Amino acid sequence: MMGTVAYYVNQEKKEALLALIERLGLSAEELRPADLKKKMDEILEERGRGKELPPKSPLGEIFPTKAGDSDVPPLYRMPEALLFCGVEDKVLDAFLAGYKKAGLQPIADKAVITPTNRGWTLYQLLTEIRKEHDAMG
């Protein structure tokens, strides 16, 4: 099991990104705006990638969800994103190095699917990534 890269990128990057993913022996899953309200484990399981998901957190639902947390605001524009599921650290490092070497424009919203965030909606995950970036300045 090498892992999956779930991605949402502009068309100019797509061909080079898919070539890199294939070269590293990873699977690719294109994300769509229609996925924003779905939980990450639902997205990956429905596309046959569930076996690559980390086990669920033994602590249960850590991310506090309240009514409206996963509601996607009107006119929300999904950002470019790369999400790594079941990708070993050395392969992730090779991916990031290959991405940079290919001269592709950076994508700020990147995350590894973890026992905690696998149960978040794609929208919640992207929102949390953005909050982390903002907090780091």
Protein backbone atom coordinates (compact mmCIF):
# COMPACT_ATOMS: atom_id res chain seq x y z
CA MET A 1 0.00 0.00 0.00
CA MET A 2 1.62 3.20 -1.16
CA GLY A 3 -1.16 5.67 -0.43
CA THR A 4 -3.42 8.16 -2.12
CA VAL A 5 -3.15 11.84 -2.95
CA ALA A 6 -6.55 13.53 -3.02
CA TYR A 7 -6.22 16.75 -4.96
CA TYR A 8 -8.02 19.82 -6.22
CA VAL A 9 -5.83 21.87 -8.55
CA ASN A 10 -6.10 24.14 -11.56
CA GLN A 11 -5.86 22.55 -15.00
CA GLU A 12 -2.35 23.90 -15.62
CA LYS A 13 -0.96 21.83 -12.72
CA LYS A 14 -3.06 18.72 -13.17
CA GLU A 15 -1.00 16.89 -15.81
CA ALA A 16 2.34 17.40 -14.04
CA LEU A 17 0.79 16.53 -10.67
CA LEU A 18 -0.69 13.28 -11.98
CA ALA A 19 2.64 12.35 -13.59
CA LEU A 20 4.41 12.85 -10.24
CA ILE A 21 1.78 10.83 -8.37
CA GLU A 22 2.10 7.98 -10.88
CA ARG A 23 5.91 8.07 -10.83
CA LEU A 24 5.86 7.58 -7.05
CA GLY A 25 3.39 4.68 -7.28
CA LEU A 26 0.62 6.55 -5.49
CA SER A 27 -3.09 6.62 -6.31
CA ALA A 28 -4.81 9.86 -7.27
CA GLU A 29 -8.32 10.97 -6.35
CA GLU A 30 -9.65 14.23 -7.70
CA LEU A 31 -11.73 16.21 -5.22
CA ARG A 32 -14.77 18.15 -6.38
CA PRO A 33 -16.70 21.05 -4.86
CA ALA A 34 -19.58 18.57 -4.45
CA ASP A 35 -17.36 16.76 -1.89
CA LEU A 36 -17.19 19.73 0.49
CA LYS A 37 -20.05 18.48 2.72
CA LYS A 38 -18.79 14.89 2.80
CA LYS A 39 -16.51 13.51 5.51
CA MET A 40 -13.04 12.59 4.35
CA ASP A 41 -13.52 8.92 5.21
CA GLU A 42 -16.75 8.88 3.17
CA ILE A 43 -15.00 10.43 0.17
CA LEU A 44 -12.13 7.95 0.25
CA GLU A 45 -14.26 4.90 1.05
CA GLU A 46 -16.72 5.58 -1.76
CA ARG A 47 -13.78 5.73 -4.17
CA GLY A 48 -12.27 2.46 -2.96
CA ARG A 49 -9.49 4.04 -0.87
CA GLY A 50 -10.91 3.23 2.56
CA LYS A 51 -8.22 0.63 3.31
CA GLU A 52 -5.63 3.42 3.33
CA LEU A 53 -7.42 5.42 6.02
CA PRO A 54 -5.83 5.54 9.46
CA PRO A 55 -7.89 3.93 12.24
CA LYS A 56 -10.52 6.16 13.80
CA SER A 57 -9.44 8.06 16.87
CA PRO A 58 -10.08 6.02 20.03
CA LEU A 59 -11.17 9.26 21.69
CA GLY A 60 -14.17 9.56 19.43
CA GLU A 61 -15.12 12.80 17.74
CA ILE A 62 -12.48 15.29 18.84
CA PHE A 63 -13.40 18.06 16.42
CA PRO A 64 -16.32 19.85 18.06
CA THR A 65 -19.11 19.98 15.55
CA LYS A 66 -22.07 22.17 16.06
CA ALA A 67 -24.97 22.90 13.78
CA GLY A 68 -23.66 24.76 10.78
CA ASP A 69 -19.97 23.77 11.17
CA SER A 70 -19.96 21.86 7.93
CA ASP A 71 -22.31 24.22 6.09
CA VAL A 72 -20.48 25.53 3.09
CA PRO A 73 -21.08 29.27 2.78
CA PRO A 74 -22.68 30.49 -0.43
CA LEU A 75 -20.09 31.56 -3.00
CA TYR A 76 -17.34 29.58 -1.18
CA ARG A 77 -14.51 29.00 -3.61
CA MET A 78 -12.74 25.74 -2.97
CA PRO A 79 -8.99 26.35 -2.74
CA GLU A 80 -6.35 24.20 -4.35
CA ALA A 81 -5.53 21.38 -1.95
CA LEU A 82 -3.41 18.26 -1.58
CA LEU A 83 -4.47 15.66 0.99
CA PHE A 84 -2.33 12.62 1.70
CA CYS A 85 -3.86 9.37 2.90
CA GLY A 86 -1.73 6.36 3.80
CA VAL A 87 1.41 7.93 2.32
CA GLU A 88 4.60 6.94 4.14
CA ASP A 89 6.81 9.78 5.37
CA LYS A 90 9.67 9.03 2.97
CA VAL A 91 7.26 8.92 0.02
CA LEU A 92 5.66 12.18 1.18
CA ASP A 93 9.12 13.77 1.32
CA ALA A 94 9.85 12.48 -2.20
CA PHE A 95 6.52 13.87 -3.40
CA LEU A 96 7.18 17.32 -1.96
CA ALA A 97 10.71 17.37 -3.40
CA GLY A 98 9.43 16.21 -6.80
CA TYR A 99 6.67 18.82 -6.74
CA LYS A 100 9.18 21.59 -6.09
CA LYS A 101 11.61 20.23 -8.70
CA ALA A 102 8.81 20.20 -11.30
CA GLY A 103 8.53 23.95 -10.79
CA LEU A 104 4.83 23.84 -9.96
CA GLN A 105 3.29 26.79 -8.13
CA PRO A 106 3.01 26.02 -4.40
CA ILE A 107 -0.25 24.85 -2.88
CA ALA A 108 -0.71 26.14 0.65
CA ASP A 109 -3.53 23.82 1.68
CA LYS A 110 -1.88 20.46 2.33
CA ALA A 111 -2.65 17.92 5.03
CA VAL A 112 -2.18 14.31 6.00
CA ILE A 113 -5.38 12.41 6.79
CA THR A 114 -5.17 11.43 10.46
CA PRO A 115 -7.36 9.45 12.90
CA THR A 116 -8.83 12.77 14.00
CA ASN A 117 -9.44 14.59 10.73
CA ARG A 118 -10.67 11.58 8.75
CA GLY A 119 -14.12 12.21 10.24
CA TRP A 120 -14.19 15.91 9.31
CA THR A 121 -15.93 17.16 6.22
CA LEU A 122 -13.69 18.35 3.43
CA TYR A 123 -14.91 21.88 4.16
CA GLN A 124 -14.00 21.56 7.88
CA LEU A 125 -10.56 20.22 6.99
CA LEU A 126 -9.86 23.04 4.54
CA THR A 127 -11.10 25.57 7.09
CA GLU A 128 -8.80 24.16 9.79
CA ILE A 129 -5.82 24.19 7.42
CA ARG A 130 -6.51 27.86 6.68
CA LYS A 131 -6.83 28.68 10.42
CA GLU A 132 -3.44 27.02 11.04
CA HIS A 133 -1.85 29.08 8.26
CA ASP A 134 -3.37 32.27 9.66
CA ALA A 135 -2.14 31.43 13.17
CA MET A 136 1.40 30.86 11.90
CA GLY A 137 1.34 34.20 10.13
